[in-house]
Amino acid sequence: MTHQSFLKLLCNGPVIPAPRMIEDFKFALTQTAAPSIILLFSDVNTLPGLLAQAQQHKKRLVVHLDLLDGAGKDRAGIKLLARMGVTALITTKPHLGKFAREEGMIVIQRLFLVDSEALKTGIHLVNSYKPDALEALPASIPASTVEQLARETNLPILAGGLLHTREDVANALRNGISAVSTSHRELWDFSDM
C-alpha cells in the first residue's frame, strides 16, 4: 500500500479527530468529513456500541489500545478486539502491534521522541516489525527529525500532542508531517488549511 492510499484510509485532509470524551466522539462522527477517528477513551463494554456508531456513519475507528480499559494487553486481547470488529489501532507497545498485524489490523506505532536516543530506538523498533505508520509525539518535532524518520522507516509520519492552534498544525505539516491527530475540536475543521 502506498503512503497516499494509506493516508486516504485515515484522513482526507491534514487532521484526524482524536476525541477523549463521548460528546466529542459524537461531534466527530456527525460534524467532520474525516473517514477515521482515533478513539482516546473507552472500554471493552462500550467499544462495541462505538464501533456500531462509527460504522453507521461510515467512519473507521482507530482504537488507542493503551487507553482502552478491559482488554488484556496480550495476544488474546488483540484477538478479542479483532472479533469485535476493530480494524485499526494505535499503540506504544510493539509486541501488541505485531499481534494486531497478525490479525490483519492497520497498526500505527506511537513514538515519544524526547531526544536523539529515543529517535534511534524508535527507528529500530518500527523496522523490527513494520507497522503501517508512525505517530510521533510531540507534533512540534523538527523537520530534520521528520525527514530522518521518513527516510529510515519508509513509513507515513503522523504526529500528535501539543497542538493548540491552527498555526501549530500548519507548522507540523510544513515540517513534513503527513497528518496530525488532535483532541481539540476547534482544529478538526481543516477545509481551509
Protein backbone atom coordinates (compact mmCIF):
# COMPACT_ATOMS: atom_id res chain seq x y z
CA MET A 1 0.00 0.00 0.00
CA THR A 2 1.39 3.40 -0.92
CA HIS A 3 1.68 6.21 1.61
CA GLN A 4 -1.05 8.15 -0.19
CA SER A 5 -3.53 5.26 -0.24
CA PHE A 6 -2.85 4.57 3.42
CA LEU A 7 -3.41 8.21 4.33
CA LYS A 8 -6.71 8.23 2.41
CA LEU A 9 -7.92 5.43 4.70
CA LEU A 10 -7.33 7.69 7.69
CA CYS A 11 -7.91 11.22 6.55
CA ASN A 12 -8.99 13.36 3.66
CA GLY A 13 -7.08 16.36 4.94
CA PRO A 14 -4.35 17.17 7.41
CA VAL A 15 -6.26 16.45 10.66
CA ILE A 16 -7.57 13.22 12.19
CA PRO A 17 -10.04 13.82 15.05
CA ALA A 18 -9.00 12.17 18.31
CA PRO A 19 -11.84 12.57 20.83
CA ARG A 20 -11.30 11.99 24.55
CA MET A 21 -15.00 12.13 25.53
CA ILE A 22 -18.28 10.76 24.17
CA GLU A 23 -19.58 14.25 23.31
CA ASP A 24 -16.56 14.93 21.12
CA PHE A 25 -16.85 11.45 19.59
CA LYS A 26 -20.43 12.18 18.53
CA PHE A 27 -19.35 15.53 17.12
CA ALA A 28 -16.53 13.87 15.13
CA LEU A 29 -19.00 11.32 13.74
CA THR A 30 -21.56 13.83 12.59
CA GLN A 31 -19.69 17.08 12.01
CA THR A 32 -16.39 16.11 10.39
CA ALA A 33 -15.59 14.75 6.97
CA ALA A 34 -12.66 12.68 8.25
CA PRO A 35 -13.02 9.00 7.32
CA SER A 36 -11.35 7.88 10.57
CA ILE A 37 -11.45 8.80 14.23
CA ILE A 38 -8.73 7.96 16.75
CA LEU A 39 -10.54 6.85 19.91
CA LEU A 40 -8.75 8.06 23.06
CA PHE A 41 -11.25 6.58 25.53
CA SER A 42 -13.45 3.52 26.01
CA ASP A 43 -13.50 0.05 27.46
CA VAL A 44 -14.46 -3.37 26.17
CA ASN A 45 -18.05 -2.88 27.34
CA THR A 46 -18.70 0.37 25.47
CA LEU A 47 -16.46 -0.30 22.46
CA PRO A 48 -18.99 -2.43 20.50
CA GLY A 49 -21.54 0.41 20.62
CA LEU A 50 -18.95 2.96 19.49
CA LEU A 51 -17.86 0.69 16.65
CA ALA A 52 -21.50 0.34 15.56
CA GLN A 53 -21.99 4.12 15.60
CA ALA A 54 -18.82 4.64 13.58
CA GLN A 55 -19.93 2.04 11.05
CA GLN A 56 -23.33 3.71 10.77
CA HIS A 57 -21.55 6.97 9.90
CA LYS A 58 -19.11 5.18 7.57
CA LYS A 59 -16.09 6.00 9.70
CA ARG A 60 -13.19 3.82 10.76
CA LEU A 61 -12.27 3.76 14.45
CA VAL A 62 -8.60 3.65 15.25
CA VAL A 63 -8.58 2.38 18.83
CA HIS A 64 -5.79 3.70 21.04
CA LEU A 65 -5.02 0.40 22.69
CA ASP A 66 -3.05 1.89 25.58
CA LEU A 67 -6.14 3.90 26.62
CA LEU A 68 -8.68 1.07 26.24
CA ASP A 69 -9.76 -0.48 29.53
CA GLY A 70 -10.65 -4.12 29.98
CA ALA A 71 -8.86 -5.72 27.06
CA GLY A 72 -5.86 -7.78 28.04
CA LYS A 73 -2.70 -6.24 26.74
CA ASP A 74 -1.70 -9.53 25.12
CA ARG A 75 -2.42 -11.73 22.08
CA ALA A 76 -5.81 -12.85 23.49
CA GLY A 77 -6.86 -9.22 23.98
CA ILE A 78 -5.93 -8.37 20.38
CA LYS A 79 -7.90 -11.39 19.12
CA LEU A 80 -10.91 -10.23 21.16
CA LEU A 81 -10.72 -6.77 19.59
CA ALA A 82 -10.47 -8.28 16.11
CA ARG A 83 -13.61 -10.36 16.76
CA MET A 84 -15.38 -7.18 17.94
CA GLY A 85 -14.63 -5.60 14.59
CA VAL A 86 -11.64 -3.38 15.40
CA THR A 87 -9.73 -2.91 12.15
CA ALA A 88 -7.12 -0.34 13.24
CA LEU A 89 -5.24 0.53 16.38
CA ILE A 90 -2.54 2.75 17.71
CA THR A 91 -0.15 1.69 20.43
CA THR A 92 3.19 2.46 22.05
CA LYS A 93 3.81 -1.26 22.54
CA PRO A 94 5.44 -3.00 19.56
CA HIS A 95 4.58 -6.54 20.70
CA LEU A 96 0.89 -5.60 20.62
CA GLY A 97 1.37 -4.01 17.22
CA LYS A 98 2.85 -7.29 15.97
CA PHE A 99 -0.16 -9.24 17.28
CA ALA A 100 -2.53 -6.75 15.64
CA ARG A 101 -0.70 -7.10 12.30
CA GLU A 102 -1.19 -10.88 12.57
CA GLU A 103 -4.94 -10.22 12.93
CA GLY A 104 -4.93 -8.08 9.78
CA MET A 105 -5.37 -4.75 11.56
CA ILE A 106 -3.95 -1.42 10.49
CA VAL A 107 -1.29 -0.55 13.06
CA ILE A 108 0.08 2.87 13.95
CA GLN A 109 3.11 2.81 16.23
CA ARG A 110 3.20 5.78 18.58
CA LEU A 111 6.67 7.09 19.46
CA PHE A 112 7.57 9.65 22.09
CA LEU A 113 10.56 11.50 20.67
CA VAL A 114 12.16 13.24 23.62
CA ASP A 115 15.79 13.02 22.49
CA SER A 116 18.18 11.53 19.93
CA GLU A 117 18.32 8.19 21.73
CA ALA A 118 14.50 7.88 21.66
CA LEU A 119 14.63 8.61 17.92
CA LYS A 120 17.27 5.93 17.32
CA THR A 121 15.39 3.39 19.46
CA GLY A 122 12.09 4.23 17.75
CA ILE A 123 13.53 3.73 14.28
CA HIS A 124 14.97 0.36 15.30
CA LEU A 125 11.68 -0.66 16.90
CA VAL A 126 9.50 0.07 13.87
CA ASN A 127 11.94 -1.51 11.47
CA SER A 128 11.72 -4.71 13.50
CA TYR A 129 8.04 -5.26 12.63
CA LYS A 130 6.91 -2.57 10.15
CA PRO A 131 3.64 -1.03 11.30
CA ASP A 132 1.57 0.81 8.70
CA ALA A 133 2.53 4.26 10.01
CA LEU A 134 4.21 6.12 12.85
CA GLU A 135 2.71 8.74 15.08
CA ALA A 136 5.42 10.92 16.57
CA LEU A 137 4.88 12.94 19.71
CA PRO A 138 5.08 15.83 20.14
CA ALA A 139 3.90 17.22 16.83
CA SER A 140 6.45 20.03 17.10
CA ILE A 141 9.39 17.77 16.19
CA PRO A 142 11.88 19.44 13.82
CA ALA A 143 11.77 18.95 10.06
CA SER A 144 15.16 17.21 10.16
CA THR A 145 13.76 14.59 12.55
CA VAL A 146 10.67 14.04 10.39
CA GLU A 147 12.91 13.64 7.34
CA GLN A 148 15.11 11.11 9.17
CA LEU A 149 12.08 9.11 10.35
CA ALA A 150 10.63 9.00 6.84
CA ARG A 151 13.96 8.11 5.23
CA GLU A 152 14.93 5.39 7.71
CA THR A 153 11.50 3.76 8.11
CA ASN A 154 9.81 4.41 4.75
CA LEU A 155 6.51 4.91 6.60
CA PRO A 156 3.95 7.72 6.63
CA ILE A 157 4.67 10.02 9.57
CA LEU A 158 1.73 11.27 11.60
CA ALA A 159 2.09 13.45 14.67
CA GLY A 160 0.12 14.42 17.73
CA GLY A 161 0.48 16.14 21.03
CA LEU A 162 0.88 19.78 21.99
CA LEU A 163 -1.27 21.06 19.12
CA HIS A 164 -3.29 24.02 20.35
CA THR A 165 -3.64 26.33 17.37
CA ARG A 166 -4.08 26.19 13.62
CA GLU A 167 -0.53 27.54 13.35
CA ASP A 168 0.71 24.52 15.36
CA VAL A 169 -0.94 22.24 12.80
CA ALA A 170 0.46 24.27 9.90
CA ASN A 171 3.98 24.13 11.40
CA ALA A 172 3.81 20.34 11.77
CA LEU A 173 2.72 20.00 8.14
CA ARG A 174 5.49 22.36 6.98
CA ASN A 175 7.97 20.16 8.85
CA GLY A 176 6.95 17.18 6.72
CA ILE A 177 4.26 15.52 8.85
CA SER A 178 1.64 13.81 6.63
CA ALA A 179 -1.28 14.42 9.02
CA VAL A 180 -1.85 15.24 12.68
CA SER A 181 -4.20 13.86 15.28
CA THR A 182 -5.68 16.16 17.88
CA SER A 183 -8.33 16.10 20.56
CA HIS A 184 -9.00 19.82 20.11
CA ARG A 185 -12.36 20.01 18.36
CA GLU A 186 -11.69 23.51 17.06
CA LEU A 187 -8.85 22.11 14.92
CA TRP A 188 -10.91 19.37 13.27
CA ASP A 189 -12.28 21.62 10.50
CA PHE A 190 -9.43 21.53 8.06
CA SER A 191 -11.31 22.65 4.96
CA ASP A 192 -9.41 25.93 4.74
CA MET A 193 -5.93 24.62 5.61
